[in-house]
Each structure stands twice: as structure tokens, then as C-alpha cells.
PDB file of N, CA and C in Angstrom:
ATOM      1  N   MET A   1      50.945  71.520 -40.911  1.00  0.00           N
ATOM      2  CA  MET A   1      50.532  71.828 -41.956  1.00  0.00           C
ATOM      3  C   MET A   1      49.625  73.106 -42.908  1.00  0.00           C
ATOM      4  N   ILE A   2      50.168  73.593 -43.783  1.00  0.00           N
ATOM      5  CA  ILE A   2      49.432  74.712 -44.414  1.00  0.00           C
ATOM      6  C   ILE A   2      48.688  74.485 -45.467  1.00  0.00           C
ATOM      7  N   ALA A   3      47.866  75.189 -45.973  1.00  0.00           N
ATOM      8  CA  ALA A   3      47.015  74.806 -46.868  1.00  0.00           C
ATOM      9  C   ALA A   3      46.613  76.638 -47.195  1.00  0.00           C
ATOM     10  N   ASP A   4      46.722  76.230 -48.747  1.00  0.00           N
ATOM     11  CA  ASP A   4      46.696  77.706 -49.479  1.00  0.00           C
ATOM     12  C   ASP A   4      45.012  78.398 -50.063  1.00  0.00           C
ATOM     13  N   LEU A   5      44.415  79.048 -49.814  1.00  0.00           N
ATOM     14  CA  LEU A   5      43.406  79.741 -50.212  1.00  0.00           C
ATOM     15  C   LEU A   5      43.465  80.437 -51.161  1.00  0.00           C
ATOM     16  N   LYS A   6      42.842  79.737 -52.401  1.00  0.00           N
ATOM     17  CA  LYS A   6      42.752  80.519 -53.766  1.00  0.00           C
ATOM     18  C   LYS A   6      41.890  81.394 -54.143  1.00  0.00           C
ATOM     19  N   PHE A   7      42.059  82.267 -55.258  1.00  0.00           N
ATOM     20  CA  PHE A   7      41.111  83.276 -55.628  1.00  0.00           C
ATOM     21  C   PHE A   7      39.868  82.728 -55.794  1.00  0.00           C
ATOM     22  N   ASN A   8      39.831  81.768 -56.224  1.00  0.00           N
ATOM     23  CA  ASN A   8      38.298  81.117 -56.365  1.00  0.00           C
ATOM     24  C   ASN A   8      37.639  80.179 -55.314  1.00  0.00           C
ATOM     25  N   SER A   9      38.433  80.418 -54.498  1.00  0.00           N
ATOM     26  CA  SER A   9      37.717  80.297 -52.974  1.00  0.00           C
ATOM     27  C   SER A   9      38.232  78.669 -52.457  1.00  0.00           C
ATOM     28  N   GLN A  10      38.884  77.945 -53.295  1.00  0.00           N
ATOM     29  CA  GLN A  10      39.523  76.767 -53.075  1.00  0.00           C
ATOM     30  C   GLN A  10      40.670  76.590 -52.301  1.00  0.00           C
ATOM     31  N   MET A  11      40.605  75.401 -51.365  1.00  0.00           N
ATOM     32  CA  MET A  11      41.856  74.982 -50.881  1.00  0.00           C
ATOM     33  C   MET A  11      42.894  74.325 -51.227  1.00  0.00           C
ATOM     34  N   ALA A  12      43.723  74.646 -51.189  1.00  0.00           N
ATOM     35  CA  ALA A  12      45.082  73.802 -51.470  1.00  0.00           C
ATOM     36  C   ALA A  12      45.880  73.462 -50.334  1.00  0.00           C
ATOM     37  N   LEU A  13      45.794  71.393 -50.406  1.00  0.00           N
ATOM     38  CA  LEU A  13      46.761  71.126 -49.397  1.00  0.00           C
ATOM     39  C   LEU A  13      47.873  70.398 -49.773  1.00  0.00           C
ATOM     40  N   SER A  14      48.923  70.577 -49.215  1.00  0.00           N
ATOM     41  CA  SER A  14      50.442  70.339 -49.502  1.00  0.00           C
ATOM     42  C   SER A  14      50.593  68.741 -49.961  1.00  0.00           C
ATOM     43  N   GLU A  15      51.511  68.246 -50.918  1.00  0.00           N
ATOM     44  CA  GLU A  15      51.424  66.971 -51.069  1.00  0.00           C
ATOM     45  C   GLU A  15      52.067  65.962 -50.305  1.00  0.00           C
ATOM     46  N   LYS A  16      52.306  66.514 -49.263  1.00  0.00           N
ATOM     47  CA  LYS A  16      52.640  65.893 -47.737  1.00  0.00           C
ATOM     48  C   LYS A  16      51.595  65.574 -46.946  1.00  0.00           C
ATOM     49  N   THR A  17      50.704  66.489 -46.751  1.00  0.00           N
ATOM     50  CA  THR A  17      49.245  66.368 -46.139  1.00  0.00           C
ATOM     51  C   THR A  17      48.486  65.593 -46.853  1.00  0.00           C
ATOM     52  N   ILE A  18      48.383  65.389 -48.326  1.00  0.00           N
ATOM     53  CA  ILE A  18      47.563  64.541 -49.128  1.00  0.00           C
ATOM     54  C   ILE A  18      47.859  63.410 -48.759  1.00  0.00           C
ATOM     55  N   LYS A  19      49.209  62.572 -48.654  1.00  0.00           N
ATOM     56  CA  LYS A  19      49.444  61.469 -48.414  1.00  0.00           C
ATOM     57  C   LYS A  19      49.406  61.035 -47.143  1.00  0.00           C
ATOM     58  N   LYS A  20      49.921  62.445 -45.884  1.00  0.00           N
ATOM     59  CA  LYS A  20      49.276  61.694 -44.545  1.00  0.00           C
ATOM     60  C   LYS A  20      48.082  61.234 -44.367  1.00  0.00           C
ATOM     61  N   PHE A  21      47.274  61.963 -45.065  1.00  0.00           N
ATOM     62  CA  PHE A  21      45.917  61.600 -44.406  1.00  0.00           C
ATOM     63  C   PHE A  21      45.141  61.054 -45.591  1.00  0.00           C
ATOM     64  N   GLY A  22      45.681  60.681 -46.812  1.00  0.00           N
ATOM     65  CA  GLY A  22      45.298  59.405 -47.739  1.00  0.00           C
ATOM     66  C   GLY A  22      43.793  60.060 -48.457  1.00  0.00           C
ATOM     67  N   VAL A  23      44.062  61.369 -48.385  1.00  0.00           N
ATOM     68  CA  VAL A  23      42.851  62.248 -49.066  1.00  0.00           C
ATOM     69  C   VAL A  23      43.269  62.228 -51.010  1.00  0.00           C
ATOM     70  N   ASN A  24      41.791  62.105 -51.595  1.00  0.00           N
ATOM     71  CA  ASN A  24      42.089  62.024 -52.957  1.00  0.00           C
ATOM     72  C   ASN A  24      41.390  63.435 -53.496  1.00  0.00           C
ATOM     73  N   VAL A  25      41.672  63.602 -54.774  1.00  0.00           N
ATOM     74  CA  VAL A  25      40.920  64.215 -55.210  1.00  0.00           C
ATOM     75  C   VAL A  25      39.216  63.718 -55.708  1.00  0.00           C
ATOM     76  N   GLY A  26      38.347  64.808 -55.036  1.00  0.00           N
ATOM     77  CA  GLY A  26      36.729  64.068 -55.192  1.00  0.00           C
ATOM     78  C   GLY A  26      36.555  63.916 -54.043  1.00  0.00           C
ATOM     79  N   ASP A  27      37.075  63.654 -53.107  1.00  0.00           N
ATOM     80  CA  ASP A  27      36.943  63.681 -51.666  1.00  0.00           C
ATOM     81  C   ASP A  27      35.976  64.701 -50.982  1.00  0.00           C
ATOM     82  N   VAL A  28      34.819  64.256 -50.269  1.00  0.00           N
ATOM     83  CA  VAL A  28      34.287  65.396 -49.673  1.00  0.00           C
ATOM     84  C   VAL A  28      34.326  65.568 -48.201  1.00  0.00           C
ATOM     85  N   PHE A  29      33.889  66.817 -47.875  1.00  0.00           N
ATOM     86  CA  PHE A  29      34.476  67.265 -46.622  1.00  0.00           C
ATOM     87  C   PHE A  29      33.276  68.329 -45.892  1.00  0.00           C
ATOM     88  N   GLU A  30      33.029  67.691 -44.567  1.00  0.00           N
ATOM     89  CA  GLU A  30      32.185  68.720 -43.956  1.00  0.00           C
ATOM     90  C   GLU A  30      33.239  69.438 -43.224  1.00  0.00           C
ATOM     91  N   ILE A  31      33.089  71.012 -43.292  1.00  0.00           N
ATOM     92  CA  ILE A  31      33.788  72.204 -42.404  1.00  0.00           C
ATOM     93  C   ILE A  31      33.014  72.642 -41.306  1.00  0.00           C
ATOM     94  N   VAL A  32      33.470  72.196 -40.050  1.00  0.00           N
ATOM     95  CA  VAL A  32      32.925  72.554 -39.123  1.00  0.00           C
ATOM     96  C   VAL A  32      33.946  73.225 -38.030  1.00  0.00           C
ATOM     97  N   GLU A  33      32.974  74.037 -37.420  1.00  0.00           N
ATOM     98  CA  GLU A  33      33.993  74.960 -36.188  1.00  0.00           C
ATOM     99  C   GLU A  33      33.860  74.280 -35.053  1.00  0.00           C
ATOM    100  N   PHE A  34      35.203  74.203 -34.293  1.00  0.00           N
ATOM    101  CA  PHE A  34      35.289  73.245 -33.093  1.00  0.00           C
ATOM    102  C   PHE A  34      36.349  74.487 -32.098  1.00  0.00           C
ATOM    103  N   ASP A  35      36.139  74.770 -31.404  1.00  0.00           N
ATOM    104  CA  ASP A  35      36.680  75.527 -30.530  1.00  0.00           C
ATOM    105  C   ASP A  35      37.405  76.634 -31.073  1.00  0.00           C
ATOM    106  N   GLY A  36      36.730  77.148 -32.133  1.00  0.00           N
ATOM    107  CA  GLY A  36      37.712  78.749 -32.481  1.00  0.00           C
ATOM    108  C   GLY A  36      38.239  78.259 -33.994  1.00  0.00           C
ATOM    109  N   LYS A  37      38.195  76.779 -34.149  1.00  0.00           N
ATOM    110  CA  LYS A  37      39.259  76.471 -35.237  1.00  0.00           C
ATOM    111  C   LYS A  37      38.228  75.952 -36.400  1.00  0.00           C
ATOM    112  N   LEU A  38      38.458  75.824 -37.386  1.00  0.00           N
ATOM    113  CA  LEU A  38      37.700  75.063 -38.501  1.00  0.00           C
ATOM    114  C   LEU A  38      38.596  73.495 -39.130  1.00  0.00           C
ATOM    115  N   VAL A  39      37.727  72.620 -38.782  1.00  0.00           N
ATOM    116  CA  VAL A  39      37.881  71.034 -39.035  1.00  0.00           C
ATOM    117  C   VAL A  39      37.561  70.345 -40.332  1.00  0.00           C
ATOM    118  N   LEU A  40      38.140  70.057 -40.921  1.00  0.00           N
ATOM    119  CA  LEU A  40      37.444  69.268 -42.024  1.00  0.00           C
ATOM    120  C   LEU A  40      37.449  67.710 -41.754  1.00  0.00           C
ATOM    121  N   CYS A  41      36.162  67.819 -41.706  1.00  0.00           N
ATOM    122  CA  CYS A  41      35.600  66.156 -41.566  1.00  0.00           C
ATOM    123  C   CYS A  41      35.348  65.304 -42.486  1.00  0.00           C
ATOM    124  N   PRO A  42      35.815  64.028 -43.086  1.00  0.00           N
ATOM    125  CA  PRO A  42      35.684  63.527 -44.126  1.00  0.00           C
ATOM    126  C   PRO A  42      34.156  62.885 -44.298  1.00  0.00           C
ATOM    127  N   VAL A  43      33.698  62.849 -45.155  1.00  0.00           N
ATOM    128  CA  VAL A  43      31.983  62.667 -45.902  1.00  0.00           C
ATOM    129  C   VAL A  43      31.931  60.926 -46.253  1.00  0.00           C
ATOM    130  N   VAL A  44      31.327  60.291 -45.542  1.00  0.00           N
ATOM    131  CA  VAL A  44      31.358  58.921 -46.468  1.00  0.00           C
ATOM    132  C   VAL A  44      30.004  59.121 -47.212  1.00  0.00           C
ATOM    133  N   GLU A  45      30.081  58.690 -48.673  1.00  0.00           N
ATOM    134  CA  GLU A  45      28.677  58.769 -49.392  1.00  0.00           C
ATOM    135  C   GLU A  45      28.556  57.302 -49.895  1.00  0.00           C
ATOM    136  N   TYR A  46      27.202  57.258 -49.180  1.00  0.00           N
ATOM    137  CA  TYR A  46      26.845  55.415 -49.467  1.00  0.00           C
ATOM    138  C   TYR A  46      26.161  55.419 -50.890  1.00  0.00           C
ATOM    139  N   PRO A  47      26.206  54.325 -51.661  1.00  0.00           N
ATOM    140  CA  PRO A  47      25.088  54.367 -52.854  1.00  0.00           C
ATOM    141  C   PRO A  47      23.710  54.243 -52.267  1.00  0.00           C
ATOM    142  N   GLU A  48      22.678  54.659 -53.001  1.00  0.00           N
ATOM    143  CA  GLU A  48      21.358  54.750 -52.739  1.00  0.00           C
ATOM    144  C   GLU A  48      20.553  53.161 -52.395  1.00  0.00           C
ATOM    145  N   GLU A  49      21.259  52.494 -53.089  1.00  0.00           N
ATOM    146  CA  GLU A  49      20.631  50.863 -52.658  1.00  0.00           C
ATOM    147  C   GLU A  49      21.276  50.658 -51.041  1.00  0.00           C
ATOM    148  N   THR A  50      22.148  51.237 -50.764  1.00  0.00           N
ATOM    149  CA  THR A  50      22.941  50.874 -49.080  1.00  0.00           C
ATOM    150  C   THR A  50      21.927  51.531 -48.441  1.00  0.00           C
ATOM    151  N   LEU A  51      21.628  52.892 -48.500  1.00  0.00           N
ATOM    152  CA  LEU A  51      20.948  53.582 -47.707  1.00  0.00           C
ATOM    153  C   LEU A  51      19.548  53.190 -47.535  1.00  0.00           C
ATOM    154  N   GLU A  52      19.103  52.667 -48.718  1.00  0.00           N
ATOM    155  CA  GLU A  52      17.851  52.260 -48.302  1.00  0.00           C
ATOM    156  C   GLU A  52      17.650  50.640 -47.965  1.00  0.00           C
ATOM    157  N   ARG A  53      18.926  49.771 -47.674  1.00  0.00           N
ATOM    158  CA  ARG A  53      18.920  48.628 -47.240  1.00  0.00           C
ATOM    159  C   ARG A  53      19.118  48.942 -45.820  1.00  0.00           C
ATOM    160  N   ILE A  54      19.865  49.912 -45.104  1.00  0.00           N
ATOM    161  CA  ILE A  54      19.804  50.497 -43.914  1.00  0.00           C
ATOM    162  C   ILE A  54      18.502  50.914 -43.303  1.00  0.00           C
ATOM    163  N   ARG A  55      17.509  51.757 -43.877  1.00  0.00           N
ATOM    164  CA  ARG A  55      16.372  52.395 -43.407  1.00  0.00           C
ATOM    165  C   ARG A  55      15.409  51.037 -43.405  1.00  0.00           C
ATOM    166  N   GLN A  56      15.554  49.926 -44.189  1.00  0.00           N
ATOM    167  CA  GLN A  56      14.935  48.540 -44.230  1.00  0.00           C
ATOM    168  C   GLN A  56      15.070  47.850 -42.718  1.00  0.00           C
ATOM    169  N   ILE A  57      16.575  47.913 -42.435  1.00  0.00           N
ATOM    170  CA  ILE A  57      16.683  47.326 -41.065  1.00  0.00           C
ATOM    171  C   ILE A  57      16.397  48.091 -40.395  1.00  0.00           C
ATOM    172  N   ILE A  58      16.470  49.459 -40.049  1.00  0.00           N
ATOM    173  CA  ILE A  58      15.978  50.107 -39.068  1.00  0.00           C
ATOM    174  C   ILE A  58      13.986  50.033 -38.941  1.00  0.00           C
ATOM    175  N   GLU A  59      13.664  49.772 -39.964  1.00  0.00           N
ATOM    176  CA  GLU A  59      11.974  49.765 -39.978  1.00  0.00           C
ATOM    177  C   GLU A  59      11.813  48.741 -39.262  1.00  0.00           C
ATOM    178  N   GLU A  60      12.358  47.330 -39.638  1.00  0.00           N
ATOM    179  CA  GLU A  60      12.464  45.922 -39.307  1.00  0.00           C
ATOM    180  C   GLU A  60      12.838  45.637 -37.899  1.00  0.00           C
ATOM    181  N   HIS A  61      13.592  46.514 -37.659  1.00  0.00           N
ATOM    182  CA  HIS A  61      14.110  46.765 -36.002  1.00  0.00           C
ATOM    183  C   HIS A  61      13.066  47.389 -35.280  1.00  0.00           C
ATOM    184  N   GLU A  62      12.407  48.563 -35.823  1.00  0.00           N
ATOM    185  CA  GLU A  62      10.990  49.104 -34.931  1.00  0.00           C
ATOM    186  C   GLU A  62      10.055  48.055 -34.636  1.00  0.00           C
ATOM    187  N   LYS A  63       9.779  47.444 -35.833  1.00  0.00           N
ATOM    188  CA  LYS A  63       8.778  46.208 -35.898  1.00  0.00           C
ATOM    189  C   LYS A  63       8.877  45.327 -34.658  1.00  0.00           C
ATOM    190  N   GLU A  64       9.931  44.645 -34.849  1.00  0.00           N
ATOM    191  CA  GLU A  64      10.478  43.558 -33.876  1.00  0.00           C
ATOM    192  C   GLU A  64      11.900  43.786 -33.392  1.00  0.00           C
ATOM    193  N   PRO A  65      11.858  44.657 -32.241  1.00  0.00           N
ATOM    194  CA  PRO A  65      13.190  44.766 -31.805  1.00  0.00           C
ATOM    195  C   PRO A  65      13.959  43.565 -31.571  1.00  0.00           C
ATOM    196  N   ARG A  66      15.329  43.740 -31.589  1.00  0.00           N
ATOM    197  CA  ARG A  66      16.026  42.084 -31.119  1.00  0.00           C
ATOM    198  C   ARG A  66      17.931  42.338 -31.449  1.00  0.00           C
ATOM    199  N   VAL A  67      18.305  42.003 -30.835  1.00  0.00           N
ATOM    200  CA  VAL A  67      19.913  42.336 -31.135  1.00  0.00           C
ATOM    201  C   VAL A  67      20.494  41.268 -32.237  1.00  0.00           C
ATOM    202  N   ALA A  68      20.796  41.750 -32.921  1.00  0.00           N
ATOM    203  CA  ALA A  68      21.195  41.073 -34.200  1.00  0.00           C
ATOM    204  C   ALA A  68      22.687  41.375 -34.463  1.00  0.00           C
ATOM    205  N   TYR A  69      23.355  42.305 -33.859  1.00  0.00           N
ATOM    206  CA  TYR A  69      24.896  42.352 -34.382  1.00  0.00           C
ATOM    207  C   TYR A  69      25.391  42.863 -32.936  1.00  0.00           C
ATOM    208  N   ALA A  70      26.832  42.429 -32.981  1.00  0.00           N
ATOM    209  CA  ALA A  70      27.585  42.586 -31.736  1.00  0.00           C
ATOM    210  C   ALA A  70      28.393  43.981 -31.901  1.00  0.00           C
ATOM    211  N   SER A  71      28.497  44.696 -33.248  1.00  0.00           N
ATOM    212  CA  SER A  71      28.872  45.895 -33.419  1.00  0.00           C
ATOM    213  C   SER A  71      28.600  46.500 -34.691  1.00  0.00           C
ATOM    214  N   VAL A  72      28.603  47.719 -34.764  1.00  0.00           N
ATOM    215  CA  VAL A  72      27.979  48.219 -35.711  1.00  0.00           C
ATOM    216  C   VAL A  72      29.044  47.651 -36.960  1.00  0.00           C
ATOM    217  N   ASP A  73      30.473  47.504 -36.780  1.00  0.00           N
ATOM    218  CA  ASP A  73      31.327  46.839 -37.938  1.00  0.00           C
ATOM    219  C   ASP A  73      30.690  45.541 -38.412  1.00  0.00           C
ATOM    220  N   GLU A  74      30.139  44.984 -37.139  1.00  0.00           N
ATOM    221  CA  GLU A  74      29.640  43.647 -37.539  1.00  0.00           C
ATOM    222  C   GLU A  74      28.260  43.950 -38.953  1.00  0.00           C
ATOM    223  N   MET A  75      27.635  45.008 -38.414  1.00  0.00           N
ATOM    224  CA  MET A  75      26.307  45.162 -39.157  1.00  0.00           C
ATOM    225  C   MET A  75      26.530  46.032 -40.465  1.00  0.00           C
ATOM    226  N   PHE A  76      27.409  46.472 -40.701  1.00  0.00           N
ATOM    227  CA  PHE A  76      28.071  46.740 -42.089  1.00  0.00           C
ATOM    228  C   PHE A  76      28.125  46.073 -42.803  1.00  0.00           C
ATOM    229  N   GLU A  77      29.041  44.911 -42.160  1.00  0.00           N
ATOM    230  CA  GLU A  77      29.777  43.694 -42.820  1.00  0.00           C
ATOM    231  C   GLU A  77      28.357  43.061 -43.699  1.00  0.00           C
ATOM    232  N   ALA A  78      27.240  42.804 -42.363  1.00  0.00           N
ATOM    233  CA  ALA A  78      26.310  41.961 -42.949  1.00  0.00           C
ATOM    234  C   ALA A  78      25.659  42.400 -44.013  1.00  0.00           C
ATOM    235  N   ILE A  79      25.443  43.789 -44.225  1.00  0.00           N
ATOM    236  CA  ILE A  79      24.610  44.552 -44.979  1.00  0.00           C
ATOM    237  C   ILE A  79      25.388  44.959 -46.540  1.00  0.00           C
ATOM    238  N   GLY A  80      26.833  44.518 -46.391  1.00  0.00           N
ATOM    239  CA  GLY A  80      27.645  44.706 -47.477  1.00  0.00           C
ATOM    240  C   GLY A  80      28.236  46.244 -47.995  1.00  0.00           C
ATOM    241  N   ILE A  81      28.369  46.527 -46.709  1.00  0.00           N
ATOM    242  CA  ILE A  81      29.422  47.647 -46.605  1.00  0.00           C
ATOM    243  C   ILE A  81      30.707  47.682 -46.121  1.00  0.00           C
ATOM    244  N   PRO A  82      31.502  47.539 -47.079  1.00  0.00           N
ATOM    245  CA  PRO A  82      32.963  47.658 -46.854  1.00  0.00           C
ATOM    246  C   PRO A  82      33.409  48.743 -45.705  1.00  0.00           C
ATOM    247  N   LEU A  83      34.124  48.231 -45.067  1.00  0.00           N
ATOM    248  CA  LEU A  83      34.675  48.725 -43.910  1.00  0.00           C
ATOM    249  C   LEU A  83      36.563  49.383 -44.130  1.00  0.00           C
ATOM    250  N   ASP A  84      37.284  48.734 -45.082  1.00  0.00           N
ATOM    251  CA  ASP A  84      38.288  48.511 -44.914  1.00  0.00           C
ATOM    252  C   ASP A  84      38.754  49.918 -46.149  1.00  0.00           C
ATOM    253  N   ASP A  85      40.019  50.629 -45.911  1.00  0.00           N
ATOM    254  CA  ASP A  85      39.555  51.924 -46.664  1.00  0.00           C
ATOM    255  C   ASP A  85      40.423  51.636 -48.200  1.00  0.00           C
ATOM    256  N   ASP A  86      40.814  50.552 -48.358  1.00  0.00           N
ATOM    257  CA  ASP A  86      41.146  50.325 -49.906  1.00  0.00           C
ATOM    258  C   ASP A  86      39.804  49.676 -50.694  1.00  0.00           C
ATOM    259  N   GLU A  87      38.871  49.869 -50.043  1.00  0.00           N
ATOM    260  CA  GLU A  87      37.945  49.046 -50.679  1.00  0.00           C
ATOM    261  C   GLU A  87      37.098  50.219 -51.439  1.00  0.00           C
ATOM    262  N   ASP A  88      36.167  50.463 -52.257  1.00  0.00           N
ATOM    263  CA  ASP A  88      35.346  51.107 -52.822  1.00  0.00           C
ATOM    264  C   ASP A  88      33.761  51.143 -52.390  1.00  0.00           C
ATOM    265  N   VAL A  89      33.271  52.093 -51.909  1.00  0.00           N
ATOM    266  CA  VAL A  89      31.813  52.100 -51.287  1.00  0.00           C
ATOM    267  C   VAL A  89      30.716  52.258 -52.469  1.00  0.00           C
TER     268      VAL A  89
END
């Protein structure tokens, strides 16, 4: 896969790469160095209300620890965070 670095410091991905990885205009990535390579890591951005609900769950758990969810997926589902790629967050 090849990407072109443009004059204004933007990176252009090929259409094949975009389709293969399902990225879209406006997607956000963190660029990390790993073993001498640059790696693009997708960043998920959640609405402020969702982050507030997660904070509340953490605070509740700190006050009264309990096992409430069998998995992270189950917890996200319970607080209304869709995990399917087709759904918008």
C-alpha cells in the first residue's frame, strides 16, 4: 500500500486502501511510532453524554464495587454505545 505525502502535509491513501480498511473522509487517526514504523490507529470519538455516563459508572463502581458486566461489549451495550461498524456513535 502506498500513500502520498502532499505539499500541505496531508497524506493521500489509494482508493483500494480506503475500501479495504473502510475509512471515510473525516475519520481521525493517531499516528504512533512502533518498531521504527509509523502506524495509523483509528480514534473513536464519543459524544460528551456517553463519556459522562462512563464516568458515572466508574464512580459508582468505586463507591460500591460489583461485577455488573460479563464483558466490555456487554457494558458498552448496556450504556448505549453501539459496537457495530455500521452504526454511528
